[in-house]
């Protein structure tokens, strides 16, 4: 008999494990920037080393999405989950006890890497491993775990900065990581590898590693250098090029690790566009707003100004849980993009924004993010068989991480170097955020229209749980391609081998 933990198969315990696994780093991703000056002063880190810690941790998060899929094919998945959680605890302890830059950077990079390893390993089984009746609470759990945690970051940062500290936060994060490890042990089920016969993909992993490290390193060095010199620009360009080469190579591969080709029909592409544009516009907008208001409010007051973002994320999660198994899923994602656009525009129109504008703007951004990225994941996921969900999450999270975590330092550089003052530069960068959100919305709507999707489909959830796609996604540009069939590409519902 297969070994099982005492809480194996218990939905509340498994859901709690997912929340505990994802929350630590995702909170830190939106908390660390305001705390870096305090951390740097105590640990003797230069501005370049502080940016490097943040950049390499984000690179680890992006890389983990690819690495987790590769490891899942050939190694027992739940055993790997315990290993990931254990390393997350080690990384959290290293960061919390750091006495110098190297120890802190190493610990924080391990936090970023293990969070995405856990995301790809733990979330798909939560979605597909329980009856369809659990899908609604799972939707809310995912939304709040990923975006609720991020939305709470500014308030938590304000509380810590107001007390001129950072270690208490990192010890709380360590405690949550320990809880995730404990729950992973209690819910353990000895699940075998996904496909031991799958082809190993060292080229894909190498491209992802080199591309993520180079791109995020280059982006992290823009602000400390305050110039577009080769030290920052060259690795940034090379890294982005390597990530593009990875996508092309995986699209053309006969037995790919990442399922790029099956995702190239209308609905998945539109979902990916929404996820990337929402990520690329929302996180920089929140960070830029904090930069503009930092000198006008105490850290705690500034954190409270961002509290509506969390409220917006909660509202979006509740509405999403009740709509995402209906046709309204598509319109909900569109409404989320419109809310995001309105929130960014409200803040950008007047720099610095007033208190009311900030409260309303951050609330709209919170609703927008909660109503876009997770719905976009399911718009793509419902287009393929549920067995492919792990790989769908991996490719979308890779692209979302690149869009959010790499664009943010670039736009911070724009804010600091463009215009007559930092406020003018921040306003310019916020207009760029608005342009990304508007452009992504228009492109997604155009993809639906050009794909011939006049009435978005309702997901056939029961059919999806039996192993078939929840709907048929038409080919790209089907409405204007005379030879395009309406049934989507032959591989759209396939579960490809690695």
Protein backbone atom coordinates (compact mmCIF):
# COMPACT_ATOMS: atom_id res chain seq x y z
CA UNK A 1 0.00 0.00 0.00
CA UNK A 2 1.10 3.56 -0.73
CA UNK A 3 2.16 5.55 2.31
CA UNK A 4 -0.18 8.34 3.41
CA UNK A 5 -0.13 11.05 6.01
CA UNK A 6 -2.92 11.30 8.60
CA UNK A 7 -4.51 14.24 6.75
CA UNK A 8 -4.06 12.88 3.22
CA UNK A 9 -7.05 13.62 1.03
CA UNK A 10 -8.49 16.15 3.49
CA UNK A 11 -9.35 19.20 1.43
CA UNK A 12 -9.02 21.86 4.20
CA UNK A 13 -5.53 20.62 5.13
CA UNK A 14 -4.33 20.47 1.51
CA UNK A 15 -5.75 23.94 0.80
CA UNK A 16 -4.06 25.31 3.94
CA UNK A 17 -0.78 23.75 2.82
CA UNK A 18 -1.03 25.55 -0.54
CA UNK A 19 -1.73 28.89 1.18
CA UNK A 20 1.19 28.43 3.60
CA UNK A 21 3.53 27.43 0.78
CA UNK A 22 2.73 30.41 -1.45
CA UNK A 23 2.13 33.22 1.01
CA UNK A 24 5.66 33.82 2.43
CA UNK A 25 7.51 34.87 -0.71
CA UNK A 26 4.49 36.50 -2.35
CA UNK A 27 4.09 38.76 0.68
CA UNK A 28 7.81 39.56 0.57
CA UNK A 29 7.65 40.34 -3.17
CA UNK A 30 5.59 43.45 -2.44
CA UNK A 31 7.08 44.14 1.00
CA UNK A 32 10.81 44.03 0.38
CA UNK A 33 11.27 47.21 -1.68
CA UNK A 34 10.28 49.65 1.12
CA UNK A 35 12.32 47.65 3.63
CA UNK A 36 15.52 47.34 1.58
CA UNK A 37 17.04 50.60 2.94
CA UNK A 38 16.62 49.30 6.51
CA UNK A 39 17.97 45.84 5.61
CA UNK A 40 20.88 47.34 3.66
CA UNK A 41 21.89 49.59 6.54
CA UNK A 42 21.93 46.74 9.06
CA UNK A 43 23.68 44.21 6.79
CA UNK A 44 26.05 46.65 5.10
CA UNK A 45 24.62 46.04 1.64
CA UNK A 46 25.30 48.46 -1.19
CA UNK A 47 22.37 49.64 -3.37
CA UNK A 48 23.61 47.28 -6.09
CA UNK A 49 23.64 44.30 -3.71
CA UNK A 50 20.15 45.16 -2.44
CA UNK A 51 18.78 45.29 -5.98
CA UNK A 52 20.64 42.07 -6.80
CA UNK A 53 18.94 40.26 -3.89
CA UNK A 54 15.52 41.25 -5.19
CA UNK A 55 16.38 40.58 -8.85
CA UNK A 56 17.92 37.13 -8.34
CA UNK A 57 15.05 36.05 -6.06
CA UNK A 58 12.60 36.99 -8.83
CA UNK A 59 14.79 35.11 -11.31
CA UNK A 60 14.58 32.06 -9.04
CA UNK A 61 10.79 32.36 -8.96
CA UNK A 62 10.60 32.50 -12.76
CA UNK A 63 13.07 29.62 -13.19
CA UNK A 64 11.25 27.40 -10.67
CA UNK A 65 8.19 27.26 -12.92
CA UNK A 66 10.19 25.41 -15.57
CA UNK A 67 12.33 23.34 -13.21
CA UNK A 68 9.31 22.06 -11.28
CA UNK A 69 7.72 20.60 -14.42
CA UNK A 70 10.95 18.86 -15.40
CA UNK A 71 11.44 17.32 -11.95
CA UNK A 72 7.79 16.23 -11.73
CA UNK A 73 8.15 14.03 -14.82
CA UNK A 74 10.88 11.81 -13.38
CA UNK A 75 10.73 12.06 -9.57
CA UNK A 76 7.96 11.23 -7.05
CA UNK A 77 5.97 14.44 -6.92
CA UNK A 78 4.87 14.53 -3.28
CA UNK A 79 8.34 13.61 -2.04
CA UNK A 80 9.67 16.52 -4.07
CA UNK A 81 7.02 18.73 -2.50
CA UNK A 82 8.46 17.94 0.94
CA UNK A 83 11.97 18.69 -0.32
CA UNK A 84 10.83 22.04 -1.76
CA UNK A 85 9.12 22.98 1.51
CA UNK A 86 12.22 21.97 3.49
CA UNK A 87 14.48 24.14 1.34
CA UNK A 88 11.98 27.00 1.69
CA UNK A 89 12.37 26.73 5.47
CA UNK A 90 16.18 26.70 5.14
CA UNK A 91 16.13 29.74 2.86
CA UNK A 92 13.78 31.60 5.20
CA UNK A 93 16.00 30.88 8.21
CA UNK A 94 19.08 32.04 6.28
CA UNK A 95 17.39 35.31 5.36
CA UNK A 96 15.98 35.92 8.84
CA UNK A 97 19.35 35.31 10.55
CA UNK A 98 21.50 37.01 7.91
CA UNK A 99 24.54 38.87 9.16
CA UNK A 100 25.81 39.94 5.75
CA UNK A 101 24.78 40.43 2.12
CA UNK A 102 25.78 36.96 0.83
CA UNK A 103 23.72 35.06 3.41
CA UNK A 104 20.68 37.30 2.87
CA UNK A 105 20.86 37.06 -0.92
CA UNK A 106 21.23 33.25 -0.80
CA UNK A 107 18.30 32.87 1.60
CA UNK A 108 16.01 35.17 -0.38
CA UNK A 109 16.87 33.48 -3.70
CA UNK A 110 15.96 30.10 -2.18
CA UNK A 111 12.65 31.61 -1.04
CA UNK A 112 11.83 32.74 -4.57
CA UNK A 113 12.91 29.49 -6.22
CA UNK A 114 11.07 27.20 -3.80
CA UNK A 115 7.86 29.22 -3.90
CA UNK A 116 7.41 28.66 -7.63
CA UNK A 117 8.50 25.01 -7.27
CA UNK A 118 5.75 24.61 -4.69
CA UNK A 119 3.24 26.56 -6.79
CA UNK A 120 3.61 24.29 -9.81
CA UNK A 121 3.82 21.12 -7.71
CA UNK A 122 0.96 21.80 -5.27
CA UNK A 123 -1.66 23.95 -7.00
CA UNK A 124 -2.71 21.71 -9.95
CA UNK A 125 -3.35 18.69 -7.65
CA UNK A 126 -5.53 20.93 -5.48
CA UNK A 127 -7.58 21.85 -8.56
CA UNK A 128 -7.87 18.42 -10.18
CA UNK A 129 -7.37 16.05 -7.23
CA UNK A 130 -10.71 16.75 -5.58
CA UNK A 131 -14.31 16.50 -6.83
CA UNK A 132 -15.72 19.32 -9.00
CA UNK A 133 -17.71 20.55 -5.98
CA UNK A 134 -14.42 21.77 -4.47
CA UNK A 135 -13.57 23.89 -7.50
CA UNK A 136 -15.34 27.01 -6.20
CA UNK A 137 -13.47 27.21 -2.87
CA UNK A 138 -10.26 26.30 -4.69
CA UNK A 139 -10.74 29.30 -6.99
CA UNK A 140 -11.07 31.61 -3.99
CA UNK A 141 -8.08 30.01 -2.25
CA UNK A 142 -5.86 30.49 -5.30
CA UNK A 143 -6.88 34.09 -5.80
CA UNK A 144 -6.34 35.04 -2.18
CA UNK A 145 -3.13 33.00 -1.82
CA UNK A 146 -1.47 34.61 -4.82
CA UNK A 147 -2.92 38.11 -5.03
CA UNK A 148 -4.27 38.63 -1.54
CA UNK A 149 -0.79 37.96 -0.17
CA UNK A 150 0.77 40.41 -2.61
CA UNK A 151 -1.88 43.04 -1.81
CA UNK A 152 -1.14 42.84 1.94
CA UNK A 153 2.56 43.49 1.33
CA UNK A 154 2.53 47.32 1.44
CA UNK A 155 0.65 47.40 4.76
CA UNK A 156 2.98 44.83 6.31
CA UNK A 157 5.97 46.80 5.02
CA UNK A 158 4.54 49.96 6.57
CA UNK A 159 4.14 48.30 9.97
CA UNK A 160 7.72 46.98 9.89
CA UNK A 161 9.25 50.19 8.56
CA UNK A 162 7.37 52.22 11.18
CA UNK A 163 9.28 50.22 13.82
CA UNK A 164 12.52 50.45 11.81
CA UNK A 165 12.76 46.66 11.66
CA UNK A 166 12.60 43.76 9.24
CA UNK A 167 13.60 40.57 11.07
CA UNK A 168 10.21 40.04 12.78
CA UNK A 169 8.59 39.85 9.34
CA UNK A 170 11.16 37.35 8.12
CA UNK A 171 10.68 35.22 11.25
CA UNK A 172 6.91 35.22 10.67
CA UNK A 173 7.59 34.17 7.09
CA UNK A 174 9.83 31.39 8.42
CA UNK A 175 7.08 30.22 10.74
CA UNK A 176 4.60 30.05 7.85
CA UNK A 177 7.16 28.08 5.82
CA UNK A 178 7.52 25.62 8.70
CA UNK A 179 3.72 25.28 8.76
CA UNK A 180 3.76 24.54 5.02
CA UNK A 181 6.36 21.80 5.59
CA UNK A 182 4.34 20.31 8.46
CA UNK A 183 1.16 20.27 6.37
CA UNK A 184 3.05 18.75 3.42
CA UNK A 185 4.08 15.88 5.73
CA UNK A 186 0.60 15.47 7.23
CA UNK A 187 -1.11 15.43 3.80
CA UNK A 188 1.55 13.25 2.18
CA UNK A 189 0.51 10.76 -0.50
CA UNK A 190 3.28 8.85 -2.27
CA UNK A 191 2.35 9.96 -5.80
CA UNK A 192 4.60 8.48 -8.54
CA UNK A 193 6.38 10.58 -11.19
CA UNK A 194 4.11 12.10 -13.83
CA UNK A 195 5.83 10.36 -16.76
CA UNK A 196 9.11 8.44 -16.12
CA UNK A 197 9.37 7.69 -19.87
CA UNK A 198 9.34 11.39 -20.78
CA UNK A 199 12.30 12.84 -22.60
CA UNK A 200 14.55 14.92 -20.40
CA UNK A 201 14.87 18.54 -21.53
CA UNK A 202 18.25 19.89 -20.45
CA UNK A 203 18.21 22.48 -23.25
CA UNK A 204 14.93 23.96 -22.02
CA UNK A 205 16.15 24.09 -18.41
CA UNK A 206 19.48 25.62 -19.47
CA UNK A 207 17.76 28.28 -21.58
CA UNK A 208 15.34 29.09 -18.76
CA UNK A 209 18.17 29.30 -16.22
CA UNK A 210 20.45 31.49 -18.32
CA UNK A 211 17.58 33.65 -19.59
CA UNK A 212 15.98 34.32 -16.21
CA UNK A 213 19.26 35.00 -14.39
CA UNK A 214 20.59 37.30 -17.11
CA UNK A 215 17.34 39.22 -17.64
CA UNK A 216 16.59 39.80 -13.97
CA UNK A 217 20.22 40.60 -13.17
CA UNK A 218 20.27 43.23 -15.90
CA UNK A 219 16.94 44.74 -14.81
CA UNK A 220 18.10 44.85 -11.17
CA UNK A 221 21.20 46.86 -12.10
CA UNK A 222 19.40 49.64 -13.98
CA UNK A 223 18.45 51.65 -10.90
CA UNK A 224 21.76 51.43 -8.98
CA UNK A 225 23.72 52.43 -12.10
CA UNK A 226 21.26 55.19 -13.09
CA UNK A 227 22.39 54.73 -16.70
CA UNK A 228 21.85 52.44 -19.66
CA UNK A 229 25.40 51.08 -19.63
CA UNK A 230 26.46 47.67 -20.89
CA UNK A 231 26.62 46.24 -17.35
CA UNK A 232 22.83 46.37 -17.09
CA UNK A 233 21.59 46.57 -20.68
CA UNK A 234 23.60 43.69 -22.19
CA UNK A 235 22.44 40.94 -19.76
CA UNK A 236 18.88 42.30 -19.90
CA UNK A 237 18.73 42.04 -23.70
CA UNK A 238 20.51 38.66 -23.78
CA UNK A 239 18.21 37.28 -21.07
CA UNK A 240 15.02 38.34 -22.85
CA UNK A 241 16.37 36.89 -26.10
CA UNK A 242 17.11 33.55 -24.39
CA UNK A 243 13.57 33.38 -22.96
CA UNK A 244 12.17 34.02 -26.45
CA UNK A 245 14.45 31.31 -27.85
CA UNK A 246 13.15 28.95 -25.13
CA UNK A 247 9.56 29.56 -26.22
CA UNK A 248 10.40 29.04 -29.90
CA UNK A 249 12.42 25.92 -29.18
CA UNK A 250 9.61 24.45 -27.09
CA UNK A 251 7.03 25.34 -29.75
CA UNK A 252 9.02 23.44 -32.38
CA UNK A 253 10.10 20.49 -30.21
CA UNK A 254 8.49 17.11 -30.92
CA UNK A 255 8.32 16.21 -27.24
CA UNK A 256 8.45 19.55 -25.41
CA UNK A 257 8.72 20.21 -21.70
CA UNK A 258 6.48 23.31 -21.87
CA UNK A 259 3.28 22.98 -23.89
CA UNK A 260 3.60 26.10 -26.02
CA UNK A 261 2.02 24.82 -29.26
CA UNK A 262 -1.29 23.63 -27.72
CA UNK A 263 -1.68 27.07 -26.15
CA UNK A 264 -1.56 28.91 -29.48
CA UNK A 265 -5.31 28.93 -30.17
CA UNK A 266 -7.57 31.94 -29.55
CA UNK A 267 -8.70 31.57 -25.94
CA UNK A 268 -5.35 30.55 -24.36
CA UNK A 269 -3.46 33.30 -26.21
CA UNK A 270 -6.03 35.89 -25.11
CA UNK A 271 -5.75 34.60 -21.52
CA UNK A 272 -1.95 34.84 -21.59
CA UNK A 273 -2.15 38.39 -22.98
CA UNK A 274 -4.48 39.39 -20.12
CA UNK A 275 -2.27 37.76 -17.46
CA UNK A 276 0.91 39.38 -18.77
CA UNK A 277 -0.52 42.86 -19.31
CA UNK A 278 -2.24 42.87 -15.91
CA UNK A 279 0.96 41.77 -14.18
CA UNK A 280 3.15 44.20 -16.14
CA UNK A 281 0.94 47.18 -15.30
CA UNK A 282 -0.38 46.54 -11.77
CA UNK A 283 2.76 45.76 -9.76
CA UNK A 284 4.79 48.69 -11.18
CA UNK A 285 1.81 51.02 -10.62
CA UNK A 286 1.61 50.09 -6.93
CA UNK A 287 5.39 50.38 -6.46
CA UNK A 288 5.51 53.75 -8.26
CA UNK A 289 2.63 55.07 -6.17
CA UNK A 290 4.53 54.10 -3.04
CA UNK A 291 7.66 55.86 -4.28
CA UNK A 292 5.75 59.08 -5.00
CA UNK A 293 4.00 59.12 -1.62
CA UNK A 294 6.89 57.86 0.52
CA UNK A 295 8.11 61.32 1.56
CA UNK A 296 4.60 62.61 2.30
CA UNK A 297 3.38 59.95 4.74
CA UNK A 298 4.76 57.89 7.58
CA UNK A 299 5.44 54.24 6.66
CA UNK A 300 2.36 53.04 8.54
CA UNK A 301 0.07 55.69 7.02
CA UNK A 302 1.40 54.81 3.58
CA UNK A 303 0.70 51.13 4.20
CA UNK A 304 -2.85 51.95 5.24
CA UNK A 305 -3.37 53.85 1.97
CA UNK A 306 -2.78 50.55 0.16
CA UNK A 307 -5.17 48.52 2.33
CA UNK A 308 -8.04 48.90 -0.22
CA UNK A 309 -5.91 46.86 -2.64
CA UNK A 310 -6.36 43.86 -0.35
CA UNK A 311 -10.07 44.60 0.00
CA UNK A 312 -10.36 44.71 -3.78
CA UNK A 313 -8.54 41.38 -4.08
CA UNK A 314 -10.96 39.81 -1.55
CA UNK A 315 -13.99 41.12 -3.45
CA UNK A 316 -12.59 39.82 -6.74
CA UNK A 317 -11.88 36.40 -5.21
CA UNK A 318 -15.45 36.04 -3.92
CA UNK A 319 -17.01 37.10 -7.22
CA UNK A 320 -14.59 34.93 -9.20
CA UNK A 321 -15.45 31.84 -7.16
CA UNK A 322 -19.10 32.26 -8.09
CA UNK A 323 -18.60 33.07 -11.78
CA UNK A 324 -15.66 31.16 -13.12
CA UNK A 325 -17.56 28.00 -14.07
CA UNK A 326 -19.92 30.07 -16.23
CA UNK A 327 -19.68 32.06 -19.44
CA UNK A 328 -19.24 35.15 -17.26
CA UNK A 329 -15.60 34.12 -16.67
CA UNK A 330 -14.60 35.85 -19.92
CA UNK A 331 -16.52 39.05 -19.13
CA UNK A 332 -15.17 39.03 -15.58
CA UNK A 333 -11.60 39.12 -16.91
CA UNK A 334 -12.55 42.04 -19.17
CA UNK A 335 -14.17 43.87 -16.24
CA UNK A 336 -10.98 43.27 -14.26
CA UNK A 337 -8.86 44.90 -16.95
CA UNK A 338 -11.22 47.90 -17.08
CA UNK A 339 -11.00 48.22 -13.27
CA UNK A 340 -7.21 48.07 -13.48
CA UNK A 341 -7.18 50.76 -16.17
CA UNK A 342 -9.45 53.01 -14.10
CA UNK A 343 -7.32 52.59 -10.97
CA UNK A 344 -4.02 53.38 -12.71
CA UNK A 345 -5.54 56.36 -14.54
CA UNK A 346 -6.96 57.79 -11.30
CA UNK A 347 -3.52 57.72 -9.69
CA UNK A 348 -1.57 58.87 -12.76
CA UNK A 349 -3.74 61.86 -13.59
CA UNK A 350 -2.49 63.83 -10.58
CA UNK A 351 0.96 63.35 -9.08
CA UNK A 352 1.15 63.10 -6.15
CA UNK A 353 -2.34 61.63 -5.85
CA UNK A 354 -4.56 62.78 -3.00
CA UNK A 355 -5.68 60.49 -0.21
CA UNK A 356 -9.10 59.74 -1.74
CA UNK A 357 -7.60 59.15 -5.19
CA UNK A 358 -5.02 56.77 -3.70
CA UNK A 359 -7.58 54.81 -1.68
CA UNK A 360 -9.98 54.43 -4.60
CA UNK A 361 -7.18 53.83 -7.13
CA UNK A 362 -5.48 51.08 -5.13
CA UNK A 363 -8.86 49.46 -4.47
CA UNK A 364 -9.62 49.40 -8.19
CA UNK A 365 -6.17 47.98 -8.91
CA UNK A 366 -6.77 45.24 -6.32
CA UNK A 367 -10.06 44.32 -7.97
CA UNK A 368 -8.40 44.44 -11.37
CA UNK A 369 -5.54 42.11 -10.49
CA UNK A 370 -7.80 39.64 -8.68
CA UNK A 371 -10.23 39.60 -11.61
CA UNK A 372 -7.66 39.10 -14.36
CA UNK A 373 -4.67 36.85 -13.71
CA UNK A 374 -6.34 33.81 -12.11
CA UNK A 375 -9.30 33.94 -14.55
CA UNK A 376 -6.74 34.09 -17.36
CA UNK A 377 -5.06 30.95 -15.99
CA UNK A 378 -8.35 29.08 -16.17
CA UNK A 379 -9.28 30.47 -19.60
CA UNK A 380 -6.08 28.87 -20.83
CA UNK A 381 -6.39 25.76 -18.65
CA UNK A 382 -9.97 24.94 -19.67
CA UNK A 383 -8.83 24.87 -23.31
CA UNK A 384 -6.70 21.76 -22.64
CA UNK A 385 -7.20 18.53 -20.72
CA UNK A 386 -6.90 18.86 -16.96
CA UNK A 387 -3.85 16.55 -16.98
CA UNK A 388 -1.99 19.38 -18.71
CA UNK A 389 -2.85 21.95 -16.02
CA UNK A 390 0.55 21.76 -14.34
CA UNK A 391 2.29 22.70 -17.59
CA UNK A 392 -0.27 25.40 -18.38
CA UNK A 393 0.36 27.00 -14.99
CA UNK A 394 4.11 26.73 -15.53
CA UNK A 395 4.22 28.57 -18.85
CA UNK A 396 1.78 31.28 -17.73
CA UNK A 397 3.54 31.83 -14.40
CA UNK A 398 6.88 32.07 -16.21
CA UNK A 399 5.52 34.75 -18.54
CA UNK A 400 3.67 36.53 -15.72
CA UNK A 401 6.78 36.61 -13.54
CA UNK A 402 8.86 38.01 -16.39
CA UNK A 403 6.18 40.63 -17.11
CA UNK A 404 5.70 41.75 -13.49
CA UNK A 405 9.10 41.42 -11.85
CA UNK A 406 11.21 42.56 -14.79
CA UNK A 407 9.07 45.51 -15.91
CA UNK A 408 8.94 46.97 -12.39
CA UNK A 409 12.67 47.84 -12.05
CA UNK A 410 12.68 49.12 -15.64
CA UNK A 411 9.83 51.52 -14.91
CA UNK A 412 11.45 52.56 -11.62
CA UNK A 413 14.51 53.46 -13.66
CA UNK A 414 12.29 55.50 -16.00
CA UNK A 415 10.77 57.27 -13.00
CA UNK A 416 14.18 58.20 -11.62
CA UNK A 417 15.78 59.35 -14.88
CA UNK A 418 13.03 60.80 -17.11
CA UNK A 419 11.51 64.26 -16.67
CA UNK A 420 12.44 67.31 -14.64
CA UNK A 421 11.76 65.68 -11.28
CA UNK A 422 11.15 62.24 -9.77
CA UNK A 423 7.43 63.05 -9.61
CA UNK A 424 7.34 63.86 -13.32
CA UNK A 425 9.30 60.68 -14.07
CA UNK A 426 6.92 58.62 -11.95
CA UNK A 427 3.94 60.07 -13.79
CA UNK A 428 5.53 59.14 -17.11
CA UNK A 429 6.12 55.59 -15.86
CA UNK A 430 2.50 55.39 -14.65
CA UNK A 431 1.30 56.43 -18.11
CA UNK A 432 3.38 53.54 -19.47
CA UNK A 433 1.59 51.22 -17.00
CA UNK A 434 -1.73 52.56 -18.25
CA UNK A 435 -0.66 51.99 -21.84
CA UNK A 436 0.28 48.38 -21.07
CA UNK A 437 -3.13 47.75 -19.46
CA UNK A 438 -5.07 49.43 -22.29
CA UNK A 439 -3.00 47.71 -24.97
CA UNK A 440 -3.43 44.29 -23.37
CA UNK A 441 -7.20 44.79 -23.08
CA UNK A 442 -7.61 45.86 -26.69
CA UNK A 443 -5.42 43.02 -27.95
CA UNK A 444 -7.36 40.39 -25.95
CA UNK A 445 -10.72 41.70 -27.19
CA UNK A 446 -9.37 41.77 -30.76
CA UNK A 447 -8.19 38.16 -30.43
CA UNK A 448 -11.70 37.06 -29.43
CA UNK A 449 -13.21 38.95 -32.38
CA UNK A 450 -10.62 37.77 -34.93
CA UNK A 451 -10.96 34.21 -33.63
CA UNK A 452 -14.67 34.31 -34.43
CA UNK A 453 -15.74 34.10 -30.77
CA UNK A 454 -19.03 35.98 -30.89
CA UNK A 455 -20.39 34.44 -27.70
CA UNK A 456 -17.74 33.21 -25.26
CA UNK A 457 -18.25 29.56 -24.29
CA UNK A 458 -19.27 28.22 -20.91
CA UNK A 459 -16.77 25.69 -19.49
CA UNK A 460 -18.05 22.11 -19.36
CA UNK A 461 -16.51 21.46 -15.97
CA UNK A 462 -17.75 17.88 -15.58
CA UNK A 463 -16.29 16.98 -18.98
CA UNK A 464 -13.01 18.67 -18.04
CA UNK A 465 -12.77 16.47 -14.94
CA UNK A 466 -13.21 13.36 -17.10
CA UNK A 467 -10.09 14.31 -19.08
CA UNK A 468 -11.46 16.33 -22.00
CA UNK A 469 -11.11 20.07 -22.68
CA UNK A 470 -13.86 22.17 -21.10
CA UNK A 471 -14.44 23.94 -24.41
CA UNK A 472 -13.12 24.10 -27.95
CA UNK A 473 -10.88 27.07 -28.63
CA UNK A 474 -10.91 28.28 -32.26
CA UNK A 475 -7.60 28.79 -34.10
CA UNK A 476 -5.96 32.18 -33.98
CA UNK A 477 -7.48 34.64 -36.48
CA UNK A 478 -10.05 32.01 -37.54
CA UNK A 479 -12.51 34.71 -38.66
CA UNK A 480 -10.12 36.11 -41.25
CA UNK A 481 -8.28 32.94 -42.26
CA UNK A 482 -10.34 31.18 -44.95
CA UNK A 483 -8.66 27.79 -44.37
CA UNK A 484 -8.90 27.84 -40.59
CA UNK A 485 -11.14 25.21 -39.02
CA UNK A 486 -13.40 26.09 -36.12
CA UNK A 487 -12.27 23.21 -33.97
CA UNK A 488 -8.88 24.58 -32.97
CA UNK A 489 -5.53 22.95 -33.64
CA UNK A 490 -5.41 19.16 -33.41
CA UNK A 491 -3.23 19.32 -30.35
CA UNK A 492 -5.35 21.81 -28.45
CA UNK A 493 -6.80 19.17 -26.21
CA UNK A 494 -3.80 16.87 -26.13
CA UNK A 495 -1.71 16.01 -23.18
CA UNK A 496 1.77 16.12 -24.69
CA UNK A 497 4.71 14.14 -23.48
CA UNK A 498 7.74 15.88 -22.11
